Structure formats: C-alpha cells, structure tokens
Amino acid sequence: MKKAPVITTLSLGLMVAVGMTACNQNKTATAPASSSSAATSSDHEAIVYINSDSLLSKYNYVKDVNKTLNDKGNAAKAEVQSRRDALQREVAEYQKNASTMPADQRQTTEQRLQREGQAEQAYEQNTSAEIQDAQAKATGKLDDKIAEYVKQYAKDKGYKMVLTYSKNGSSVIYGDPSLDVTADVVKGLNDAYAKDGGKDK
C-alpha cells in the first residue's frame, strides 16, 4: 500500500482563470490605497502572482488537512499490515500441519485460505481507493477555497489577473518581487480559516 498522500500541488492555471473572472466582473475597479506594497492601481501592477509553493507551506488549512490525511493513511496502512500478518500466520500454520492432515481437510483449508487471500487483496485495493478519494476531495476543496478567496481578493485590489508561480511548474517565468502578493493572500486565508475555528476540513 502506498504512503498516505498529501496535498502538494495547486491546479496550475486556476488562479489565472480566477483573476480573469474577477477582472471581467470589475473592469472599473482600482486598487485602494493600503499598506500592501503590491496594492496599487498602476497598469503594470494590474497583474500579480502567488507563489503556490509558499502558499501551500504556510496556509494553516493545508497543514491541518495534510495531517488528517497522513493520520488516516497511517491508520489504514497499519490495519492492512495487521490483516496481512494474520493471514500469513494462518498460512504458515497450515504449511506446518499439512503433512499430517487428511486430504479432505487440506483441500478445505486451502480453499478457505485462498478465499481469505482474495478478500484481503480486495480490502487493500478498496482501502487504497478510499485514501486516494479522500485526497482528491481534499484537493478539490482546497482549490475551491483558494479560488473563492483570490477572486474576491483580486476584485478588492483591482487586479486584472492573478498568476501562480511554482518551482516545478509555472505560468510565470519571471516576476518582480513587488508583484508577489503571496504573503498578503496567505495572511487573509489564515485569518479566514482561524475565524472559522480551524474546523472547515
């Protein structure tokens, strides 16, 4: 069974679509004067970017979800290993006693062990599928939460587009640090998550 999956990537292009949607809904918006160094209304700063690596490492919601997924994965792995060990003990016991067992008893035991082996294999596959499904749902919910927040963020700041930057895959080749709004977005997301009591998982 594979190690419990965790959320490690954002859907690239998601923020671009979000930013463009916000632009279409708020073409006349201008960025309000604020303490954010990136929040200005000049044309060259109408496009900003978010470092998704930093966002994922600093967003408390992601940390909590990753812990939940890891705990669930570790528990499932332990249960699978326990069932596998129990079956192996049964097989070893049968092999030790097979030579002294009547033929019909050997046949019955082998058929039972075969059924148990098939059931164990099905259990492992189902458990793995459940963990993968939990990961997919968590990733989808994360994308939705970030998209919703960034859409409003872009509208409030007057940004026409919000791009994502990632070390391993990016829609930004270079971005001036003044256009990096990651810290501002992470703070807003964490504030919103804390306000919800950290229970929206």
N, C-alpha and C. Protein backbone atom coordinates (compact mmCIF):
# COMPACT_ATOMS: atom_id res chain seq x y z
N MET A 1 0.84 -1.20 0.00
CA MET A 1 0.00 0.00 0.00
C MET A 1 0.87 1.25 0.00
N LYS A 2 0.52 2.21 -0.81
CA LYS A 2 1.33 3.43 -0.90
C LYS A 2 1.19 4.27 0.35
N LYS A 3 2.20 5.09 0.57
CA LYS A 3 2.16 6.02 1.70
C LYS A 3 0.99 6.96 1.53
N ALA A 4 0.41 7.37 2.62
CA ALA A 4 -0.75 8.25 2.58
C ALA A 4 -0.43 9.51 1.80
N PRO A 5 -1.28 9.84 0.81
CA PRO A 5 -1.00 11.01 0.01
C PRO A 5 -1.30 12.29 0.76
N VAL A 6 -0.62 13.34 0.39
CA VAL A 6 -0.88 14.64 0.98
C VAL A 6 -1.01 15.65 -0.13
N ILE A 7 -1.61 16.78 0.19
CA ILE A 7 -1.77 17.84 -0.80
C ILE A 7 -0.43 18.49 -1.03
N THR A 8 0.03 18.47 -2.28
CA THR A 8 1.34 19.03 -2.56
C THR A 8 1.33 20.00 -3.72
N THR A 9 0.24 20.08 -4.48
CA THR A 9 0.22 20.97 -5.64
C THR A 9 -1.10 21.69 -5.74
N LEU A 10 -1.07 22.85 -6.38
CA LEU A 10 -2.29 23.55 -6.74
C LEU A 10 -2.53 23.35 -8.22
N SER A 11 -3.77 23.43 -8.66
CA SER A 11 -4.06 23.32 -10.08
C SER A 11 -3.52 24.55 -10.78
N LEU A 12 -2.48 24.34 -11.61
CA LEU A 12 -1.89 25.47 -12.32
C LEU A 12 -2.91 26.03 -13.30
N GLY A 13 -2.96 27.32 -13.40
CA GLY A 13 -3.92 27.98 -14.27
C GLY A 13 -5.19 28.36 -13.54
N LEU A 14 -5.43 27.78 -12.38
CA LEU A 14 -6.63 28.09 -11.62
C LEU A 14 -6.68 29.56 -11.26
N MET A 15 -5.56 30.07 -10.76
CA MET A 15 -5.53 31.47 -10.35
C MET A 15 -5.66 32.41 -11.54
N VAL A 16 -5.14 31.98 -12.69
CA VAL A 16 -5.27 32.81 -13.89
C VAL A 16 -6.73 32.99 -14.22
N ALA A 17 -7.47 31.88 -14.24
CA ALA A 17 -8.89 31.94 -14.54
C ALA A 17 -9.63 32.78 -13.51
N VAL A 18 -9.25 32.61 -12.27
CA VAL A 18 -9.88 33.38 -11.20
C VAL A 18 -9.65 34.87 -11.39
N GLY A 19 -8.41 35.22 -11.68
CA GLY A 19 -8.08 36.62 -11.85
C GLY A 19 -8.81 37.24 -13.03
N MET A 20 -8.91 36.48 -14.12
CA MET A 20 -9.59 36.99 -15.31
C MET A 20 -11.08 37.15 -15.05
N THR A 21 -11.66 36.23 -14.31
CA THR A 21 -13.07 36.34 -13.96
C THR A 21 -13.32 37.58 -13.12
N ALA A 22 -12.43 37.80 -12.16
CA ALA A 22 -12.58 38.98 -11.31
C ALA A 22 -12.45 40.25 -12.14
N CYS A 23 -11.57 40.21 -13.12
CA CYS A 23 -11.38 41.37 -13.99
C CYS A 23 -12.66 41.67 -14.75
N ASN A 24 -13.29 40.63 -15.33
CA ASN A 24 -14.49 40.82 -16.13
C ASN A 24 -15.64 41.36 -15.29
N GLN A 25 -15.68 40.99 -14.03
CA GLN A 25 -16.75 41.45 -13.16
C GLN A 25 -16.47 42.82 -12.56
N ASN A 26 -15.24 43.30 -12.69
CA ASN A 26 -14.87 44.53 -12.00
C ASN A 26 -13.89 45.34 -12.84
N LYS A 27 -14.27 45.62 -14.08
CA LYS A 27 -13.36 46.29 -15.01
C LYS A 27 -13.00 47.69 -14.56
N THR A 28 -13.86 48.31 -13.80
CA THR A 28 -13.59 49.69 -13.40
C THR A 28 -12.93 49.79 -12.04
N ALA A 29 -12.68 48.66 -11.42
CA ALA A 29 -12.12 48.71 -10.07
C ALA A 29 -10.68 49.17 -10.08
N THR A 30 -10.31 49.91 -9.07
CA THR A 30 -8.91 50.30 -8.89
C THR A 30 -8.48 49.87 -7.52
N ALA A 31 -7.19 49.59 -7.37
CA ALA A 31 -6.71 49.12 -6.08
C ALA A 31 -6.74 50.25 -5.07
N PRO A 32 -7.33 50.01 -3.91
CA PRO A 32 -7.38 51.04 -2.86
C PRO A 32 -6.01 51.26 -2.25
N ALA A 33 -5.82 52.45 -1.73
CA ALA A 33 -4.55 52.72 -1.04
C ALA A 33 -4.53 51.89 0.23
N SER A 34 -3.50 51.08 0.38
CA SER A 34 -3.40 50.22 1.55
C SER A 34 -1.94 50.02 1.89
N SER A 35 -1.72 49.25 2.96
CA SER A 35 -0.35 49.00 3.42
C SER A 35 0.36 47.98 2.55
N SER A 36 -0.39 47.26 1.69
CA SER A 36 0.23 46.25 0.84
C SER A 36 1.09 46.92 -0.22
N SER A 37 2.36 46.48 -0.32
CA SER A 37 3.27 47.10 -1.28
C SER A 37 2.84 46.83 -2.71
N ALA A 38 2.07 45.73 -2.94
CA ALA A 38 1.67 45.40 -4.30
C ALA A 38 0.32 46.01 -4.65
N ALA A 39 -0.39 46.56 -3.70
CA ALA A 39 -1.74 47.03 -3.94
C ALA A 39 -1.74 48.47 -4.45
N THR A 40 -1.43 48.64 -5.73
CA THR A 40 -1.50 49.95 -6.37
C THR A 40 -2.31 49.81 -7.64
N SER A 41 -2.66 50.93 -8.25
CA SER A 41 -3.54 50.88 -9.41
C SER A 41 -2.80 51.10 -10.72
N SER A 42 -1.48 51.15 -10.70
CA SER A 42 -0.73 51.35 -11.95
C SER A 42 -0.92 50.16 -12.85
N ASP A 43 -0.92 50.42 -14.19
CA ASP A 43 -1.22 49.37 -15.16
C ASP A 43 -0.28 48.20 -15.05
N HIS A 44 1.04 48.46 -14.85
CA HIS A 44 1.99 47.36 -14.84
C HIS A 44 1.87 46.49 -13.59
N GLU A 45 1.10 46.95 -12.60
CA GLU A 45 0.87 46.14 -11.42
C GLU A 45 -0.57 45.64 -11.35
N ALA A 46 -1.26 45.64 -12.50
CA ALA A 46 -2.61 45.09 -12.56
C ALA A 46 -2.56 43.57 -12.63
N ILE A 47 -1.36 43.05 -12.90
CA ILE A 47 -1.14 41.60 -12.90
C ILE A 47 -0.19 41.28 -11.76
N VAL A 48 -0.60 40.36 -10.91
CA VAL A 48 0.23 39.94 -9.78
C VAL A 48 0.33 38.42 -9.79
N TYR A 49 1.16 37.89 -8.92
CA TYR A 49 1.28 36.43 -8.86
C TYR A 49 1.37 35.94 -7.43
N ILE A 50 1.07 34.66 -7.28
CA ILE A 50 1.14 33.99 -5.99
C ILE A 50 2.12 32.83 -6.11
N ASN A 51 3.04 32.75 -5.17
CA ASN A 51 3.96 31.61 -5.12
C ASN A 51 3.21 30.46 -4.46
N SER A 52 2.78 29.48 -5.27
CA SER A 52 1.96 28.40 -4.74
C SER A 52 2.73 27.51 -3.77
N ASP A 53 4.06 27.41 -3.95
CA ASP A 53 4.86 26.62 -3.01
C ASP A 53 4.79 27.23 -1.61
N SER A 54 4.97 28.56 -1.55
CA SER A 54 4.90 29.25 -0.26
C SER A 54 3.50 29.19 0.32
N LEU A 55 2.51 29.37 -0.53
CA LEU A 55 1.13 29.34 -0.05
C LEU A 55 0.82 27.99 0.60
N LEU A 56 1.20 26.91 -0.07
CA LEU A 56 0.89 25.58 0.44
C LEU A 56 1.64 25.26 1.73
N SER A 57 2.83 25.83 1.87
CA SER A 57 3.62 25.54 3.08
C SER A 57 3.21 26.41 4.27
N LYS A 58 2.52 27.53 4.00
CA LYS A 58 2.18 28.46 5.08
C LYS A 58 0.68 28.56 5.39
N TYR A 59 -0.14 28.00 4.53
CA TYR A 59 -1.59 28.06 4.75
C TYR A 59 -1.96 27.00 5.79
N ASN A 60 -2.48 27.42 6.92
CA ASN A 60 -2.76 26.51 8.03
C ASN A 60 -3.78 25.44 7.67
N TYR A 61 -4.72 25.78 6.82
CA TYR A 61 -5.71 24.80 6.37
C TYR A 61 -5.02 23.60 5.71
N VAL A 62 -4.02 23.87 4.86
CA VAL A 62 -3.29 22.80 4.18
C VAL A 62 -2.55 21.94 5.19
N LYS A 63 -1.93 22.57 6.18
CA LYS A 63 -1.22 21.81 7.22
C LYS A 63 -2.17 20.87 7.95
N ASP A 64 -3.35 21.37 8.30
CA ASP A 64 -4.31 20.55 9.04
C ASP A 64 -4.85 19.41 8.18
N VAL A 65 -5.15 19.71 6.92
CA VAL A 65 -5.66 18.67 6.03
C VAL A 65 -4.59 17.60 5.78
N ASN A 66 -3.36 18.04 5.58
CA ASN A 66 -2.27 17.07 5.38
C ASN A 66 -2.12 16.15 6.59
N LYS A 67 -2.24 16.72 7.78
CA LYS A 67 -2.13 15.91 9.00
C LYS A 67 -3.28 14.89 9.06
N THR A 68 -4.48 15.34 8.73
CA THR A 68 -5.63 14.44 8.75
C THR A 68 -5.45 13.31 7.75
N LEU A 69 -4.98 13.65 6.54
CA LEU A 69 -4.77 12.62 5.52
C LEU A 69 -3.65 11.66 5.92
N ASN A 70 -2.59 12.20 6.50
CA ASN A 70 -1.49 11.35 6.95
C ASN A 70 -1.95 10.39 8.05
N ASP A 71 -2.70 10.92 9.01
CA ASP A 71 -3.20 10.08 10.10
C ASP A 71 -4.10 8.98 9.57
N LYS A 72 -4.98 9.35 8.65
CA LYS A 72 -5.89 8.37 8.06
C LYS A 72 -5.11 7.32 7.26
N GLY A 73 -4.13 7.76 6.52
CA GLY A 73 -3.31 6.84 5.73
C GLY A 73 -2.50 5.90 6.60
N ASN A 74 -1.93 6.43 7.67
CA ASN A 74 -1.13 5.59 8.57
C ASN A 74 -2.00 4.56 9.29
N ALA A 75 -3.20 4.97 9.68
CA ALA A 75 -4.11 4.03 10.34
C ALA A 75 -4.53 2.92 9.38
N ALA A 76 -4.81 3.30 8.14
CA ALA A 76 -5.20 2.30 7.13
C ALA A 76 -4.04 1.36 6.84
N LYS A 77 -2.84 1.90 6.74
CA LYS A 77 -1.66 1.08 6.48
C LYS A 77 -1.44 0.08 7.62
N ALA A 78 -1.62 0.52 8.85
CA ALA A 78 -1.44 -0.36 10.00
C ALA A 78 -2.49 -1.48 10.00
N GLU A 79 -3.74 -1.14 9.65
CA GLU A 79 -4.79 -2.15 9.61
C GLU A 79 -4.53 -3.18 8.51
N VAL A 80 -4.10 -2.71 7.36
CA VAL A 80 -3.79 -3.62 6.25
C VAL A 80 -2.66 -4.56 6.65
N GLN A 81 -1.62 -4.02 7.28
CA GLN A 81 -0.48 -4.84 7.69
C GLN A 81 -0.90 -5.87 8.73
N SER A 82 -1.77 -5.47 9.65
CA SER A 82 -2.25 -6.38 10.69
C SER A 82 -3.02 -7.55 10.07
N ARG A 83 -3.89 -7.24 9.13
CA ARG A 83 -4.68 -8.30 8.46
C ARG A 83 -3.77 -9.21 7.64
N ARG A 84 -2.80 -8.60 6.98
CA ARG A 84 -1.86 -9.38 6.16
C ARG A 84 -1.04 -10.33 7.04
N ASP A 85 -0.58 -9.82 8.17
CA ASP A 85 0.21 -10.66 9.10
C ASP A 85 -0.61 -11.82 9.63
N ALA A 86 -1.88 -11.54 9.95
CA ALA A 86 -2.76 -12.60 10.47
C ALA A 86 -2.95 -13.71 9.43
N LEU A 87 -3.13 -13.31 8.18
CA LEU A 87 -3.29 -14.30 7.12
C LEU A 87 -2.01 -15.10 6.92
N GLN A 88 -0.88 -14.44 6.97
CA GLN A 88 0.40 -15.14 6.81
C GLN A 88 0.63 -16.14 7.94
N ARG A 89 0.18 -15.81 9.14
CA ARG A 89 0.30 -16.75 10.26
C ARG A 89 -0.57 -17.99 10.02
N GLU A 90 -1.76 -17.76 9.48
CA GLU A 90 -2.64 -18.89 9.17
C GLU A 90 -2.02 -19.80 8.11
N VAL A 91 -1.43 -19.19 7.09
CA VAL A 91 -0.79 -19.96 6.02
C VAL A 91 0.38 -20.75 6.58
N ALA A 92 1.18 -20.11 7.41
CA ALA A 92 2.35 -20.78 7.99
C ALA A 92 1.91 -21.95 8.88
N GLU A 93 0.82 -21.73 9.62
CA GLU A 93 0.30 -22.80 10.48
C GLU A 93 -0.18 -23.98 9.64
N TYR A 94 -0.85 -23.66 8.55
CA TYR A 94 -1.33 -24.74 7.67
C TYR A 94 -0.15 -25.51 7.08
N GLN A 95 0.85 -24.77 6.59
CA GLN A 95 2.01 -25.43 5.99
C GLN A 95 2.72 -26.34 6.98
N LYS A 96 2.73 -25.94 8.24
CA LYS A 96 3.39 -26.74 9.27
C LYS A 96 2.64 -28.05 9.54
N ASN A 97 1.32 -28.00 9.43
CA ASN A 97 0.50 -29.15 9.78
C ASN A 97 -0.04 -29.92 8.58
N ALA A 98 0.20 -29.41 7.38
CA ALA A 98 -0.42 -30.01 6.18
C ALA A 98 -0.11 -31.48 6.02
N SER A 99 1.11 -31.87 6.30
CA SER A 99 1.51 -33.26 6.06
C SER A 99 0.78 -34.25 6.96
N THR A 100 0.25 -33.80 8.07
CA THR A 100 -0.46 -34.69 9.00
C THR A 100 -1.98 -34.58 8.87
N MET A 101 -2.45 -33.74 7.97
CA MET A 101 -3.89 -33.53 7.83
C MET A 101 -4.47 -34.48 6.79
N PRO A 102 -5.72 -34.91 6.96
CA PRO A 102 -6.39 -35.71 5.94
C PRO A 102 -6.55 -34.90 4.65
N ALA A 103 -6.64 -35.57 3.54
CA ALA A 103 -6.71 -34.90 2.24
C ALA A 103 -7.89 -33.94 2.15
N ASP A 104 -9.06 -34.37 2.63
CA ASP A 104 -10.23 -33.50 2.54
C ASP A 104 -10.08 -32.25 3.40
N GLN A 105 -9.43 -32.39 4.55
CA GLN A 105 -9.20 -31.23 5.42
C GLN A 105 -8.19 -30.27 4.79
N ARG A 106 -7.16 -30.84 4.15
CA ARG A 106 -6.19 -29.98 3.45
C ARG A 106 -6.88 -29.17 2.36
N GLN A 107 -7.74 -29.84 1.58
CA GLN A 107 -8.44 -29.17 0.49
C GLN A 107 -9.35 -28.06 1.01
N THR A 108 -10.08 -28.37 2.07
CA THR A 108 -10.97 -27.38 2.67
C THR A 108 -10.19 -26.17 3.19
N THR A 109 -9.07 -26.43 3.86
CA THR A 109 -8.24 -25.36 4.42
C THR A 109 -7.63 -24.51 3.32
N GLU A 110 -7.13 -25.15 2.28
CA GLU A 110 -6.53 -24.40 1.16
C GLU A 110 -7.56 -23.51 0.48
N GLN A 111 -8.78 -24.03 0.31
CA GLN A 111 -9.83 -23.22 -0.32
C GLN A 111 -10.18 -22.02 0.56
N ARG A 112 -10.25 -22.26 1.86
CA ARG A 112 -10.55 -21.16 2.80
C ARG A 112 -9.45 -20.11 2.78
N LEU A 113 -8.20 -20.55 2.80
CA LEU A 113 -7.08 -19.60 2.77
C LEU A 113 -7.04 -18.83 1.46
N GLN A 114 -7.42 -19.49 0.38
CA GLN A 114 -7.45 -18.80 -0.91
C GLN A 114 -8.52 -17.71 -0.90
N ARG A 115 -9.69 -18.04 -0.35
CA ARG A 115 -10.75 -17.04 -0.25
C ARG A 115 -10.33 -15.86 0.62
N GLU A 116 -9.69 -16.18 1.74
CA GLU A 116 -9.23 -15.13 2.65
C GLU A 116 -8.16 -14.26 1.97
N GLY A 117 -7.31 -14.90 1.19
CA GLY A 117 -6.29 -14.12 0.46
C GLY A 117 -6.91 -13.19 -0.55
N GLN A 118 -7.93 -13.65 -1.26
CA GLN A 118 -8.63 -12.80 -2.23
C GLN A 118 -9.36 -11.66 -1.52
N ALA A 119 -9.97 -11.97 -0.38
CA ALA A 119 -10.67 -10.94 0.39
C ALA A 119 -9.69 -9.89 0.90
N GLU A 120 -8.51 -10.35 1.32
CA GLU A 120 -7.50 -9.41 1.81
C GLU A 120 -7.01 -8.50 0.70
N GLN A 121 -6.81 -9.07 -0.48
CA GLN A 121 -6.37 -8.26 -1.62
C GLN A 121 -7.42 -7.21 -1.98
N ALA A 122 -8.69 -7.61 -1.96
CA ALA A 122 -9.78 -6.67 -2.26
C ALA A 122 -9.83 -5.57 -1.21
N TYR A 123 -9.62 -5.95 0.06
CA TYR A 123 -9.63 -4.97 1.15
C TYR A 123 -8.53 -3.93 0.95
N GLU A 124 -7.33 -4.39 0.60
CA GLU A 124 -6.21 -3.47 0.37
C GLU A 124 -6.50 -2.52 -0.78
N GLN A 125 -7.09 -3.04 -1.86
CA GLN A 125 -7.42 -2.20 -3.01
C GLN A 125 -8.48 -1.16 -2.66
N ASN A 126 -9.50 -1.60 -1.91
CA ASN A 126 -10.56 -0.67 -1.50
C ASN A 126 -10.03 0.41 -0.56
N THR A 127 -9.15 0.01 0.35
CA THR A 127 -8.57 0.97 1.29
C THR A 127 -7.74 2.01 0.55
N SER A 128 -6.94 1.55 -0.41
CA SER A 128 -6.12 2.47 -1.20
C SER A 128 -7.00 3.43 -1.99
N ALA A 129 -8.11 2.92 -2.57
CA ALA A 129 -9.03 3.76 -3.33
C ALA A 129 -9.68 4.81 -2.43
N GLU A 130 -10.03 4.42 -1.20
CA GLU A 130 -10.64 5.35 -0.26
C GLU A 130 -9.69 6.49 0.10
N ILE A 131 -8.42 6.15 0.30
CA ILE A 131 -7.43 7.18 0.63
C ILE A 131 -7.24 8.13 -0.55
N GLN A 132 -7.15 7.57 -1.75
CA GLN A 132 -7.00 8.41 -2.94
C GLN A 132 -8.21 9.31 -3.14
N ASP A 133 -9.40 8.78 -2.87
CA ASP A 133 -10.63 9.57 -2.98
C ASP A 133 -10.63 10.71 -1.97
N ALA A 134 -10.17 10.41 -0.75
CA ALA A 134 -10.09 11.46 0.28
C ALA A 134 -9.12 12.56 -0.14
N GLN A 135 -8.00 12.16 -0.74
CA GLN A 135 -7.03 13.14 -1.22
C GLN A 135 -7.63 14.01 -2.32
N ALA A 136 -8.31 13.36 -3.27
CA ALA A 136 -8.92 14.11 -4.38
C ALA A 136 -9.95 15.11 -3.88
N LYS A 137 -10.78 14.68 -2.93
CA LYS A 137 -11.80 15.58 -2.38
C LYS A 137 -11.15 16.74 -1.63
N ALA A 138 -10.09 16.44 -0.86
CA ALA A 138 -9.41 17.49 -0.11
C ALA A 138 -8.75 18.50 -1.05
N THR A 139 -8.14 17.99 -2.13
CA THR A 139 -7.51 18.88 -3.10
C THR A 139 -8.54 19.75 -3.79
N GLY A 140 -9.68 19.14 -4.16
CA GLY A 140 -10.75 19.92 -4.79
C GLY A 140 -11.29 21.00 -3.89
N LYS A 141 -11.45 20.67 -2.61
CA LYS A 141 -11.95 21.66 -1.66
C LYS A 141 -10.94 22.78 -1.46
N LEU A 142 -9.67 22.41 -1.41
CA LEU A 142 -8.61 23.43 -1.28
C LEU A 142 -8.64 24.38 -2.47
N ASP A 143 -8.70 23.83 -3.68
CA ASP A 143 -8.75 24.66 -4.87
C ASP A 143 -9.94 25.61 -4.84
N ASP A 144 -11.09 25.09 -4.41
CA ASP A 144 -12.29 25.93 -4.34
C ASP A 144 -12.13 27.06 -3.33
N LYS A 145 -11.57 26.74 -2.16
CA LYS A 145 -11.39 27.75 -1.12
C LYS A 145 -10.45 28.87 -1.59
N ILE A 146 -9.35 28.47 -2.23
CA ILE A 146 -8.38 29.46 -2.69
C ILE A 146 -8.96 30.27 -3.84
N ALA A 147 -9.64 29.59 -4.76
CA ALA A 147 -10.23 30.30 -5.91
C ALA A 147 -11.25 31.35 -5.44
N GLU A 148 -12.07 30.94 -4.50
CA GLU A 148 -13.09 31.87 -3.97
C GLU A 148 -12.43 33.07 -3.30
N TYR A 149 -11.40 32.80 -2.50
CA TYR A 149 -10.73 33.89 -1.81
C TYR A 149 -10.01 34.82 -2.79
N VAL A 150 -9.26 34.23 -3.73
CA VAL A 150 -8.47 35.04 -4.66
C VAL A 150 -9.37 35.85 -5.60
N LYS A 151 -10.52 35.29 -5.96
CA LYS A 151 -11.46 36.03 -6.80
C LYS A 151 -11.87 37.33 -6.11
N GLN A 152 -12.24 37.23 -4.83
CA GLN A 152 -12.63 38.43 -4.09
C GLN A 152 -11.44 39.33 -3.83
N TYR A 153 -10.29 38.72 -3.57
CA TYR A 153 -9.06 39.48 -3.32
C TYR A 153 -8.71 40.33 -4.55
N ALA A 154 -8.75 39.71 -5.73
CA ALA A 154 -8.43 40.44 -6.95
C ALA A 154 -9.43 41.58 -7.19
N LYS A 155 -10.68 41.31 -6.90
CA LYS A 155 -11.72 42.33 -7.08
C LYS A 155 -11.48 43.50 -6.13
N ASP A 156 -11.16 43.19 -4.87
CA ASP A 156 -10.93 44.24 -3.88
C ASP A 156 -9.71 45.08 -4.21
N LYS A 157 -8.67 44.44 -4.73
CA LYS A 157 -7.42 45.14 -5.00
C LYS A 157 -7.38 45.78 -6.38
N GLY A 158 -8.31 45.42 -7.25
CA GLY A 158 -8.31 45.97 -8.60
C GLY A 158 -7.33 45.29 -9.53
N TYR A 159 -6.93 44.07 -9.22
CA TYR A 159 -6.00 43.35 -10.09
C TYR A 159 -6.77 42.75 -11.27
N LYS A 160 -6.16 42.81 -12.43
CA LYS A 160 -6.80 42.27 -13.63
C LYS A 160 -6.48 40.80 -13.85
N MET A 161 -5.38 40.33 -13.27
CA MET A 161 -5.02 38.93 -13.42
C MET A 161 -4.14 38.51 -12.25
N VAL A 162 -4.35 37.28 -11.77
CA VAL A 162 -3.53 36.71 -10.71
C VAL A 162 -2.95 35.40 -11.25
N LEU A 163 -1.64 35.36 -11.34
CA LEU A 163 -0.96 34.18 -11.85
C LEU A 163 -0.40 33.35 -10.70
N THR A 164 0.01 32.12 -10.99
CA THR A 164 0.67 31.30 -9.99
C THR A 164 2.11 31.05 -10.40
N TYR A 165 2.96 30.96 -9.41
CA TYR A 165 4.37 30.61 -9.65
C TYR A 165 4.70 29.40 -8.79
N SER A 166 5.37 28.43 -9.38
CA SER A 166 5.82 27.25 -8.64
C SER A 166 7.18 26.85 -9.17
N LYS A 167 8.00 26.33 -8.30
CA LYS A 167 9.36 25.93 -8.69
C LYS A 167 9.33 24.83 -9.74
N ASN A 168 8.35 23.93 -9.65
CA ASN A 168 8.31 22.78 -10.54
C ASN A 168 7.38 22.93 -11.73
N GLY A 169 6.67 24.00 -11.80
CA GLY A 169 5.77 24.22 -12.93
C GLY A 169 5.09 25.56 -12.76
N SER A 170 5.20 26.43 -13.75
CA SER A 170 4.75 27.79 -13.52
C SER A 170 4.22 28.44 -14.78
N SER A 171 3.29 29.38 -14.58
CA SER A 171 2.84 30.21 -15.68
C SER A 171 3.57 31.55 -15.64
N VAL A 172 4.53 31.67 -14.72
CA VAL A 172 5.34 32.88 -14.60
C VAL A 172 6.81 32.51 -14.74
N ILE A 173 7.48 33.07 -15.73
CA ILE A 173 8.92 32.84 -15.89
C ILE A 173 9.69 33.78 -14.98
N TYR A 174 9.27 35.02 -14.94
CA TYR A 174 9.88 35.99 -14.03
C TYR A 174 8.81 36.94 -13.54
N GLY A 175 8.93 37.33 -12.29
CA GLY A 175 8.02 38.32 -11.74
C GLY A 175 8.77 39.21 -10.78
N ASP A 176 8.59 40.50 -10.91
CA ASP A 176 9.20 41.45 -9.99
C ASP A 176 8.65 41.18 -8.59
N PRO A 177 9.50 41.15 -7.58
CA PRO A 177 9.03 40.87 -6.21
C PRO A 177 7.90 41.77 -5.75
N SER A 178 7.81 42.99 -6.31
CA SER A 178 6.74 43.89 -5.88
C SER A 178 5.36 43.39 -6.33
N LEU A 179 5.34 42.45 -7.29
CA LEU A 179 4.08 41.90 -7.76
C LEU A 179 3.67 40.64 -7.00
N ASP A 180 4.53 40.19 -6.10
CA ASP A 180 4.26 38.97 -5.34
C ASP A 180 3.33 39.29 -4.18
N VAL A 181 2.10 38.79 -4.26
CA VAL A 181 1.11 39.06 -3.21
C VAL A 181 0.88 37.83 -2.33
N THR A 182 1.80 36.87 -2.40
CA THR A 182 1.62 35.61 -1.66
C THR A 182 1.39 35.85 -0.17
N ALA A 183 2.25 36.64 0.46
CA ALA A 183 2.15 36.86 1.90
C ALA A 183 0.80 37.45 2.28
N ASP A 184 0.32 38.39 1.46
CA ASP A 184 -0.96 39.03 1.71
C ASP A 184 -2.10 38.02 1.60
N VAL A 185 -2.02 37.16 0.58
CA VAL A 185 -3.07 36.15 0.38
C VAL A 185 -3.04 35.11 1.49
N VAL A 186 -1.83 34.65 1.85
CA VAL A 186 -1.71 33.66 2.92
C VAL A 186 -2.28 34.21 4.22
N LYS A 187 -1.95 35.47 4.52
CA LYS A 187 -2.47 36.08 5.76
C LYS A 187 -3.99 36.11 5.74
N GLY A 188 -4.56 36.52 4.60
CA GLY A 188 -6.01 36.59 4.50
C GLY A 188 -6.66 35.22 4.64
N LEU A 189 -6.08 34.21 3.98
CA LEU A 189 -6.60 32.85 4.07
C LEU A 189 -6.52 32.32 5.50
N ASN A 190 -5.37 32.53 6.14
CA ASN A 190 -5.21 32.05 7.52
C ASN A 190 -6.15 32.78 8.48
N ASP A 191 -6.34 34.08 8.26
CA ASP A 191 -7.28 34.83 9.10
C ASP A 191 -8.69 34.27 8.95
N ALA A 192 -9.08 33.98 7.69
CA ALA A 192 -10.43 33.45 7.43
C ALA A 192 -10.57 32.05 8.04
N TYR A 193 -9.51 31.26 7.93
CA TYR A 193 -9.55 29.89 8.48
C TYR A 193 -9.64 29.93 10.01
N ALA A 194 -8.89 30.83 10.62
CA ALA A 194 -8.93 30.97 12.08
C ALA A 194 -10.31 31.45 12.53
N LYS A 195 -10.90 32.33 11.74
CA LYS A 195 -12.21 32.85 12.08
C LYS A 195 -13.26 31.73 12.07
N ASP A 196 -13.06 30.75 11.18
CA ASP A 196 -13.96 29.60 11.11
C ASP A 196 -13.65 28.58 12.21
N GLY A 197 -12.66 28.85 13.03
CA GLY A 197 -12.32 27.93 14.11
C GLY A 197 -11.41 26.81 13.69
N GLY A 198 -10.88 26.89 12.49
CA GLY A 198 -9.96 25.85 12.01
C GLY A 198 -10.62 24.50 11.85
N LYS A 199 -11.94 24.51 11.61
CA LYS A 199 -12.66 23.23 11.55
C LYS A 199 -13.21 22.92 10.15
N ASP A 200 -12.96 23.79 9.23
CA ASP A 200 -13.52 23.60 7.87
C ASP A 200 -12.62 22.70 7.05
N LYS A 201 -12.68 21.40 7.31
CA LYS A 201 -11.84 20.43 6.63
C LYS A 201 -12.68 19.39 5.92
